[in-house]
Structures are given as C-alpha cells and as structure tokens.
Amino acid sequence: MAATEDERQVGDCEGERLDFLRDRHVRFFQRCLQALPERYSSLETSRLTIAFFALSGLDMLDSLDVVNKDDIIEWIYSLQVLPTEDRSNLNRCGFRGSSYLGIPFNPSKNPGTAHPYDSGHIAMTYTGLSCLVILGDDLSRVNKEACLAGLRALQLEDGSFCAVPEGSENDMRFIYCASCICYMLNNWSGMDMKKAINYIRRSMSYDSGLAQGAGLESHGGSTFCGIASLCLMGKLEEVFSEKELNRIKRWCIMRQQNGYHGRPNKPVDTCYSFWVGATLKLLKIFQYTNFEKNRNYILSTQDRLVGGFAKWPDSHPDALHAYFGICGLSLMEESGICKVHPALNVAA
C-alpha cells in the first residue's frame, strides 16, 4: 500500500523542514486536563504531575487563556497536606498527587485533617508549586514552613531524598525536586545542601556522566537532575572543576544521534531532547549541537491528527513526551513557543 503524504513527510525528513502544529498541541493539552484514556488510570495518585505537563505545555505555547486558572488553583491548594492543630504531622506536609484518599476539600490555610496514610510526595510538591507559579498565583496560601519541614524529613544521611515519609527509592530525581522546591520558596532550609552536593559528586561515573547514585550507570536524566540542581543552588562551578565540567560536556554532547538518547547504545527518545539539551544549555554548549537533526527527530514523533508528541515515530503521544518535545523545540527557539527555563523546567 502506498505511503500517505504525511508518512512520507515523516520518513523523508532529512533535509526537509517539517511543520510544528501548534494549535493541535494546545488542544491536546486541553484534553489532558479534561479527560484521559483508561491507560492513565494507574497514574491517579500522580494526577498533579499530568496537570503540570498540560499546564506548563499550554504556558510554553502562550495559551493558558484556554483554562480556568482560578478553579485549577483552588484544586491544587486542596491537595496541600497541611499541619494538624497539634502539628504532629509536620514531617508529612507538602502536596499529595490527587484526592484519592477522600480527604475533605480544603483549599485554605486552615489546619489539616488528620489521616494515618496522608502525606506529601516530593514530586507532587514540586509539580504543585510549579503549577501555582505557572498560573500566576502568589503562593500566599502555601504553608512554606510545613512544606520545608516535610522536605527536610525526606532527606537521608547520604544526601539523597525519598519521595514519601514511609520510604521509597532515593536518587537524583528527588534531589532535583527538592532543589526546585527550595528555589521556588526562596528558602534552602529544606535541605542539607552540603550533603546533597556530596551525593551529586559521588554519582559521577567513570565516563563522566552522572548516575542516579554512586556506582550506577550514567544517564541523561540523572545528569540533568544533578547539573540543574547545582545551577539552582548556584554551586555548579564550585562543585566540579573545569576539567570535570569539560568531561561532562563531552559525555552529554555525544548523546546526540539525530535526536538524543539517555545512555550509549540506546534508541533516541523525544524527552532527551530536553533532558540532555537543557543540560547542554546550562553548560553553555548547546549551540554546538545539530539543531536541524534534533528538530526533525522531534517533529517526526508529532501526532499530526490529535496533537502531542510520542517518544518514537509512529507511536501514541502522551502528556510527558508532548511536554518535553515542546521544551526541546523551545531550546532551539522554535517559532510559536516561549523560552524555557532550562534548570527549573518551566517557561522563563
């Protein structure tokens, strides 16, 4: 069967300029805020993260006017885990991912409701605060003291962070979340910065990329998390020598094929156009990459019918890859997309 015109355009993208279908992506993110396919049901406890991808995606497209900001702000505040009257849950405060526990709707700063299984999640606190900033909120209803107390309780002796008080994985992702939280609240008392920095340093692998932890494999995502965290702290050049930074730059720039992959000998993936691209931007060498190949790869994963981006061509789009595809294009100053803050991962 003959290939369609769109299929030929994707397949023969070398040397050909593909169109960025902005309006379809706006509608894609709108749908993410209204209704999701059944396969997303397992992400119910992370609903706030999906909201972040959609809201930040709309913000990157300068299209936040299509949503009711006030309603979403109230919903986000209702997910804040507030101190109870006796403050016995202070080390469990932050933001939860959705209303899955059935806690009474409370968007105020009044004392929270005690529940034995209620606690914040470090990634939800990061995305919750990010969404409030994106929507233009002044964070006046955020209990900053409680958020920072909850964050401190998640840091382990080795400097890394767990996601929840009960314990979980602990790695570079959550150091990044913690760094963003402290940066947005303009208060670094939420972490022992020296311990976090030592964890990042120990995570440098033999090939000079950063891993999720000491002795593990270098990865584009964890390299971004480590470098971005140090940039938010204002410590990058204190922590790594010029020679070490040059080696990190080399490791990152070698991740490009047409788009980027996260590890050697792995397939390229749309999201690494941001993870690795933003790292190269923070390291001030993104301009030496091949923009045309990167752009063509990202746009080859664009769904020309419903909008959004997938991780690979001819795959289904999803909220995460749609968002990071747009951020990857933003790094290359694509027309119709706002400038992304490469460390904080929101519109600058």
Protein backbone atom coordinates (compact mmCIF):
# COMPACT_ATOMS: atom_id res chain seq x y z
CA MET A 1 0.00 0.00 0.00
CA ALA A 2 1.39 3.42 -0.91
CA ALA A 3 2.52 5.64 1.95
CA THR A 4 0.39 8.67 2.72
CA GLU A 5 1.75 12.16 2.23
CA ASP A 6 2.18 12.61 6.00
CA GLU A 7 4.02 9.29 6.30
CA ARG A 8 6.38 10.27 3.50
CA GLN A 9 6.96 13.60 5.20
CA VAL A 10 7.96 11.86 8.42
CA GLY A 11 10.01 9.17 6.71
CA ASP A 12 11.86 11.55 4.41
CA CYS A 13 12.54 14.26 6.95
CA GLU A 14 16.28 14.59 6.29
CA GLY A 15 16.85 17.98 4.71
CA GLU A 16 13.12 18.79 4.80
CA ARG A 17 11.55 21.33 7.16
CA LEU A 18 8.54 19.86 8.97
CA ASP A 19 5.72 21.99 10.33
CA PHE A 20 5.11 22.46 14.05
CA LEU A 21 1.35 22.06 14.54
CA ARG A 22 0.92 24.44 17.46
CA ASP A 23 -2.89 24.60 17.64
CA ARG A 24 -3.20 20.81 17.74
CA HIS A 25 -0.84 20.67 20.69
CA VAL A 26 -2.92 23.29 22.51
CA ARG A 27 -6.00 21.11 22.07
CA PHE A 28 -4.02 18.02 23.14
CA PHE A 29 -3.06 19.64 26.45
CA GLN A 30 -6.61 20.88 26.96
CA ARG A 31 -7.85 17.31 26.66
CA CYS A 32 -5.24 16.15 29.19
CA LEU A 33 -6.92 18.46 31.72
CA GLN A 34 -10.43 17.26 30.89
CA ALA A 35 -10.42 13.54 30.09
CA LEU A 36 -7.72 10.90 29.78
CA PRO A 37 -7.63 7.41 28.22
CA GLU A 38 -8.18 4.44 30.51
CA ARG A 39 -4.48 3.55 30.44
CA TYR A 40 -3.80 6.66 32.55
CA SER A 41 -5.90 5.32 35.44
CA SER A 42 -2.84 3.80 37.12
CA LEU A 43 -1.45 7.34 37.42
CA GLU A 44 -4.32 8.58 39.61
CA THR A 45 -2.02 9.20 42.57
CA SER A 46 0.21 11.30 40.26
CA ARG A 47 -2.58 13.36 38.72
CA LEU A 48 -0.83 16.59 39.71
CA THR A 49 2.15 15.65 37.54
CA ILE A 50 -0.09 15.20 34.49
CA ALA A 51 -1.64 18.59 35.27
CA PHE A 52 1.88 20.06 35.33
CA PHE A 53 2.72 18.69 31.88
CA ALA A 54 -0.54 20.08 30.49
CA LEU A 55 -0.43 23.49 32.19
CA SER A 56 3.26 24.07 31.57
CA GLY A 57 2.77 22.89 27.98
CA LEU A 58 -0.02 25.43 27.48
CA ASP A 59 2.15 28.10 29.11
CA MET A 60 5.01 27.27 26.74
CA LEU A 61 2.53 27.75 23.89
CA ASP A 62 1.28 31.03 25.41
CA SER A 63 -2.22 29.54 25.63
CA LEU A 64 -3.12 29.48 29.32
CA ASP A 65 -6.19 31.56 28.49
CA VAL A 66 -7.98 28.35 27.40
CA VAL A 67 -8.21 27.11 31.03
CA ASN A 68 -9.99 28.40 34.12
CA LYS A 69 -6.98 29.38 36.20
CA ASP A 70 -8.88 30.13 39.40
CA ASP A 71 -10.60 26.73 39.50
CA ILE A 72 -7.32 24.89 38.96
CA ILE A 73 -5.56 26.97 41.64
CA GLU A 74 -8.29 26.04 44.14
CA TRP A 75 -7.93 22.36 43.22
CA ILE A 76 -4.15 22.46 43.68
CA TYR A 77 -4.46 24.10 47.09
CA SER A 78 -6.95 21.40 48.10
CA LEU A 79 -4.09 18.89 47.62
CA GLN A 80 -1.82 20.61 50.14
CA VAL A 81 -1.10 18.44 53.18
CA LEU A 82 -1.44 20.97 55.99
CA PRO A 83 -0.32 20.69 59.61
CA THR A 84 -2.98 19.47 62.02
CA GLU A 85 -3.81 21.58 65.07
CA ASP A 86 -1.25 19.74 67.19
CA ARG A 87 1.31 19.89 64.32
CA SER A 88 2.12 16.23 64.86
CA ASN A 89 2.22 15.63 61.08
CA LEU A 90 4.66 18.43 60.26
CA ASN A 91 7.17 15.97 58.78
CA ARG A 92 4.46 14.66 56.41
CA CYS A 93 3.47 18.00 54.85
CA GLY A 94 3.75 19.06 51.21
CA PHE A 95 1.37 18.23 48.35
CA ARG A 96 -0.37 14.96 47.54
CA GLY A 97 -0.95 13.94 43.92
CA SER A 98 -4.77 13.83 43.88
CA SER A 99 -7.84 13.43 46.10
CA TYR A 100 -7.57 9.62 46.09
CA LEU A 101 -7.71 9.40 49.91
CA GLY A 102 -11.02 11.22 50.17
CA ILE A 103 -9.66 13.98 52.42
CA PRO A 104 -12.23 16.84 52.72
CA PHE A 105 -11.76 19.59 50.11
CA ASN A 106 -9.76 22.34 51.81
CA PRO A 107 -8.08 24.99 49.65
CA SER A 108 -7.44 27.29 52.65
CA LYS A 109 -4.53 27.59 55.08
CA ASN A 110 -6.67 26.24 57.94
CA PRO A 111 -5.38 23.23 59.93
CA GLY A 112 -5.37 19.98 58.01
CA THR A 113 -7.35 16.82 58.64
CA ALA A 114 -5.51 14.01 60.41
CA HIS A 115 -5.30 10.80 58.38
CA PRO A 116 -2.84 7.98 59.09
CA TYR A 117 -1.98 7.49 55.40
CA ASP A 118 -1.92 11.12 54.28
CA SER A 119 1.42 12.65 53.34
CA GLY A 120 3.03 14.81 50.72
CA HIS A 121 5.09 13.36 47.87
CA ILE A 122 8.25 15.21 46.87
CA ALA A 123 7.46 15.16 43.13
CA MET A 124 3.89 16.32 43.77
CA THR A 125 5.14 19.19 45.93
CA TYR A 126 7.49 20.21 43.10
CA THR A 127 4.81 19.99 40.40
CA GLY A 128 2.15 21.56 42.65
CA LEU A 129 4.29 24.62 43.37
CA SER A 130 5.31 24.81 39.71
CA CYS A 131 1.67 24.78 38.60
CA LEU A 132 0.77 27.55 41.05
CA VAL A 133 3.65 29.68 39.75
CA ILE A 134 2.65 28.95 36.14
CA LEU A 135 -0.94 30.02 36.88
CA GLY A 136 0.25 33.32 38.36
CA ASP A 137 -0.52 32.52 42.00
CA ASP A 138 1.44 34.38 44.68
CA LEU A 139 1.89 31.25 46.86
CA SER A 140 0.30 33.12 49.78
CA ARG A 141 -1.68 30.04 50.82
CA VAL A 142 1.32 27.73 50.72
CA ASN A 143 2.38 26.80 54.23
CA LYS A 144 6.05 27.26 53.46
CA GLU A 145 7.25 26.27 56.93
CA ALA A 146 5.34 22.98 56.71
CA CYS A 147 6.50 22.25 53.14
CA LEU A 148 10.12 22.78 54.13
CA ALA A 149 9.72 20.68 57.29
CA GLY A 150 8.21 17.88 55.23
CA LEU A 151 11.08 18.18 52.75
CA ARG A 152 13.76 18.01 55.46
CA ALA A 153 12.18 14.81 56.77
CA LEU A 154 12.69 13.15 53.37
CA GLN A 155 16.46 13.69 53.17
CA LEU A 156 18.62 10.69 54.02
CA GLU A 157 22.04 10.64 55.64
CA ASP A 158 23.77 10.19 52.25
CA GLY A 159 22.22 13.45 51.00
CA SER A 160 19.58 11.93 48.70
CA PHE A 161 15.82 12.17 49.21
CA CYS A 162 12.97 9.69 49.44
CA ALA A 163 9.65 10.55 47.81
CA VAL A 164 7.44 9.89 50.84
CA PRO A 165 7.99 9.61 54.63
CA GLU A 166 7.34 5.86 54.61
CA GLY A 167 10.41 5.38 52.40
CA SER A 168 10.84 4.78 48.67
CA GLU A 169 13.56 4.89 46.05
CA ASN A 170 16.11 7.59 46.79
CA ASP A 171 18.07 9.04 43.92
CA MET A 172 18.99 12.07 41.83
CA ARG A 173 15.41 12.73 40.68
CA PHE A 174 14.34 13.67 44.16
CA ILE A 175 17.38 15.86 44.81
CA TYR A 176 16.22 17.80 41.76
CA CYS A 177 12.64 18.03 43.09
CA ALA A 178 13.97 19.23 46.44
CA SER A 179 16.18 21.84 44.77
CA CYS A 180 13.26 23.19 42.74
CA ILE A 181 11.06 23.37 45.85
CA CYS A 182 13.69 25.32 47.80
CA TYR A 183 14.33 27.60 44.81
CA MET A 184 10.64 28.41 44.29
CA LEU A 185 10.10 29.03 48.01
CA ASN A 186 13.34 31.05 48.12
CA ASN A 187 14.40 29.14 51.21
CA TRP A 188 17.13 26.49 51.24
CA SER A 189 16.47 25.38 54.82
CA GLY A 190 14.51 22.46 53.34
CA MET A 191 17.71 20.52 52.74
CA ASP A 192 21.23 19.98 53.96
CA MET A 193 22.82 21.41 50.84
CA LYS A 194 26.31 20.12 51.63
CA LYS A 195 25.06 16.53 51.87
CA ALA A 196 23.05 16.88 48.65
CA ILE A 197 26.08 18.26 46.82
CA ASN A 198 28.25 15.39 48.06
CA TYR A 199 25.66 12.91 46.78
CA ILE A 200 25.75 14.56 43.34
CA ARG A 201 29.55 14.46 43.27
CA ARG A 202 29.66 10.79 44.24
CA SER A 203 27.22 9.98 41.45
CA MET A 204 29.70 10.90 38.70
CA SER A 205 30.52 7.70 36.82
CA TYR A 206 33.79 6.60 35.22
CA ASP A 207 32.66 8.08 31.87
CA SER A 208 31.91 11.47 33.49
CA GLY A 209 28.13 11.34 33.18
CA LEU A 210 26.01 11.46 36.33
CA ALA A 211 24.07 8.44 37.54
CA GLN A 212 21.09 8.07 39.89
CA GLY A 213 23.59 7.28 42.63
CA ALA A 214 27.19 6.25 43.30
CA GLY A 215 28.40 3.24 41.30
CA LEU A 216 25.45 3.24 38.90
CA GLU A 217 25.24 3.83 35.14
CA SER A 218 25.42 7.35 33.73
CA HIS A 219 22.08 8.56 32.43
CA GLY A 220 20.87 11.65 30.58
CA GLY A 221 18.01 12.21 33.00
CA SER A 222 20.10 11.96 36.15
CA THR A 223 22.83 14.12 34.59
CA PHE A 224 20.22 16.82 34.00
CA CYS A 225 18.89 16.47 37.56
CA GLY A 226 22.36 16.81 39.06
CA ILE A 227 23.55 19.70 36.89
CA ALA A 228 20.24 21.59 37.12
CA SER A 229 20.20 21.18 40.92
CA LEU A 230 23.70 22.64 41.20
CA CYS A 231 22.72 25.53 38.92
CA LEU A 232 19.66 26.31 41.06
CA MET A 233 21.93 26.22 44.13
CA GLY A 234 24.45 28.48 42.38
CA LYS A 235 27.17 25.89 43.06
CA LEU A 236 27.99 24.29 39.69
CA GLU A 237 31.49 25.71 39.25
CA GLU A 238 32.33 25.24 42.94
CA VAL A 239 31.49 21.54 42.83
CA PHE A 240 33.09 20.48 39.55
CA SER A 241 36.47 21.63 38.25
CA GLU A 242 36.84 23.00 34.73
CA LYS A 243 38.33 19.67 33.65
CA GLU A 244 35.41 17.74 35.11
CA LEU A 245 32.88 20.07 33.50
CA ASN A 246 34.57 19.62 30.13
CA ARG A 247 34.25 15.85 30.51
CA ILE A 248 30.56 16.17 31.43
CA LYS A 249 30.05 18.38 28.37
CA ARG A 250 31.69 15.77 26.16
CA TRP A 251 29.54 12.98 27.60
CA CYS A 252 26.37 15.00 27.02
CA ILE A 253 27.18 16.16 23.51
CA MET A 254 27.93 12.56 22.50
CA ARG A 255 24.31 11.64 23.28
CA GLN A 256 23.08 13.17 20.02
CA GLN A 257 22.41 10.95 17.03
CA ASN A 258 19.58 12.75 15.28
CA GLY A 259 17.59 13.37 18.45
CA TYR A 260 19.13 12.37 21.77
CA HIS A 261 19.36 9.15 23.76
CA GLY A 262 19.87 8.90 27.50
CA ARG A 263 22.59 6.23 27.52
CA PRO A 264 25.10 4.85 24.98
CA ASN A 265 23.67 2.26 22.57
CA LYS A 266 20.06 3.12 23.44
CA PRO A 267 17.47 4.42 20.94
CA VAL A 268 16.81 8.14 20.72
CA ASP A 269 13.74 9.38 22.59
CA THR A 270 11.90 12.71 22.37
CA CYS A 271 12.19 13.55 26.07
CA TYR A 272 16.01 13.53 25.97
CA SER A 273 15.93 16.47 23.60
CA PHE A 274 15.05 18.35 26.76
CA TRP A 275 16.92 16.38 29.44
CA VAL A 276 20.21 16.38 27.56
CA GLY A 277 19.53 19.56 25.58
CA ALA A 278 18.79 21.56 28.74
CA THR A 279 21.95 20.18 30.38
CA LEU A 280 23.98 21.33 27.39
CA LYS A 281 22.25 24.72 27.63
CA LEU A 282 23.18 25.02 31.31
CA LEU A 283 26.74 24.03 30.40
CA LYS A 284 26.71 26.74 27.70
CA ILE A 285 27.48 24.47 24.72
CA PHE A 286 24.02 23.73 23.32
CA GLN A 287 24.81 25.94 20.32
CA TYR A 288 27.34 23.36 19.11
CA THR A 289 24.71 20.66 18.58
CA ASN A 290 22.90 19.87 15.32
CA PHE A 291 19.61 21.77 15.58
CA GLU A 292 18.23 20.57 12.24
CA LYS A 293 18.59 16.87 13.05
CA ASN A 294 17.19 17.33 16.54
CA ARG A 295 14.21 19.35 15.28
CA ASN A 296 13.43 16.84 12.55
CA TYR A 297 13.52 13.96 15.01
CA ILE A 298 11.19 15.68 17.49
CA LEU A 299 8.72 16.59 14.74
CA SER A 300 8.83 13.03 13.36
CA THR A 301 7.19 11.96 16.65
CA GLN A 302 4.46 14.60 16.37
CA ASP A 303 0.92 13.24 16.06
CA ARG A 304 -0.45 15.19 13.12
CA LEU A 305 -4.04 14.17 13.85
CA VAL A 306 -4.64 14.68 17.59
CA GLY A 307 -1.54 16.66 18.58
CA GLY A 308 1.11 15.78 21.14
CA PHE A 309 4.43 14.01 20.75
CA ALA A 310 5.44 10.40 21.32
CA LYS A 311 8.80 9.03 22.42
CA TRP A 312 9.33 7.45 18.97
CA PRO A 313 7.88 7.97 15.47
CA ASP A 314 4.64 6.11 14.73
CA SER A 315 3.83 5.74 18.44
CA HIS A 316 0.99 7.11 20.56
CA PRO A 317 1.53 10.58 22.05
CA ASP A 318 1.44 11.07 25.81
CA ALA A 319 1.48 14.06 28.15
CA LEU A 320 5.12 13.67 29.23
CA HIS A 321 6.62 13.39 25.76
CA ALA A 322 4.29 16.08 24.40
CA TYR A 323 5.59 18.48 27.02
CA PHE A 324 9.27 17.64 26.70
CA GLY A 325 9.06 17.64 22.92
CA ILE A 326 7.87 21.23 23.08
CA CYS A 327 10.57 22.12 25.62
CA GLY A 328 13.18 20.54 23.36
CA LEU A 329 11.97 22.71 20.48
CA SER A 330 11.98 25.75 22.77
CA LEU A 331 15.69 25.29 23.45
CA MET A 332 16.19 25.74 19.69
CA GLU A 333 13.96 28.86 19.71
CA GLU A 334 11.17 27.33 17.63
CA SER A 335 8.67 29.95 16.46
CA GLY A 336 5.43 29.98 18.45
CA ILE A 337 6.98 28.55 21.63
CA CYS A 338 8.04 30.54 24.69
CA LYS A 339 11.55 30.33 26.10
CA VAL A 340 12.03 27.54 28.65
CA HIS A 341 13.98 27.97 31.89
CA PRO A 342 16.49 25.13 31.37
CA ALA A 343 17.04 24.44 35.08
CA LEU A 344 13.54 24.95 36.52
CA ASN A 345 11.74 23.34 33.55
CA VAL A 346 9.01 25.98 33.16
CA ALA A 347 8.53 28.94 30.83
CA ALA A 348 11.17 31.56 31.58
